[in-house]
């Protein structure tokens, strides 16, 4: 199997293959669809194309957010959910960090994944039908929520899942108010046009450790300094019910939460049906389907 997975292919975004990191100019477009066909305005599409991220405030109303929060709270308190392999527990505490594949395990989250406010926006940006590459809920409780180091999602999805091109978009639906001080998502605006290679071979079963703390597949500090010099760091803050759409290759991360105010979100990754997964580009085996779906059935239109 490993020989099949590691068959040599042309790779415009090689990573984890050399001893020195590189910054590679992106050769793919950011927006593939028409700016005036979909729920996003032309100005919003322009912002996404420029920054690699777009915050749309209060896209979901208070009642919708309350239902999603109540469902999330029940899930993280359920011993069976916590014991499932799709649940990720914090290293330094017994708190839930993430629960994966929620669009399949829960009907409410499944309906959210096909909601036109997010799914049609993804179709508009990607210029095609889309499928769910990944879904999860992220939980960053007050006082105990650990941060996420700077990274490009596409680097991992390319290296370990076999996503050919950065033609995917994430939608982060905030279920709590995001303040500058409770560990909000931060992006390096404009960094989506630069692919940062990383060093080190992918370990076997890397996902088992990387979902709790990623060490392979993260950019080096010198590359991050160069990106930060070129790109403005923006905090994606706003009220609960807001949605952050961000490009698969934008450099992003978040700090820990030492405030009493929790931060949680529903995280949906839409990939173009014209960009389905191949064999991993820098790993000996595929990650499980609950992390990287191999079912490419388009999200139903509503």
Foldseek 3Di string as FASTA:
>chain_A
DLCQLQPDDDAQFDFQPDDDKDKHFAPDQQFDADLPPADHHVVQLVQCRQFQKGKDAQQDDPVLLVVVVVVVVVQQVDPVNCPDPQWDAAPVDRGTFKGKPCLPVDVSVVVVLQPRVPQRVLCRRLVAFWDFFIKMKGKAAAQRRAKWDKAFQVLCCQQAFAQRHQSKKKKKAWSAFFDPQFWAKKWFTRQLRIRMHWHHAQDVVNVVPVVNPNDGRGHDPVVVVVSCVVTPIDGRGHGHGMMMMGTRGIIMMIGHGNHNGMIMIIMTMIHHLVRAGDRRNGDSHHDDCRNGNNDGPGSDHD
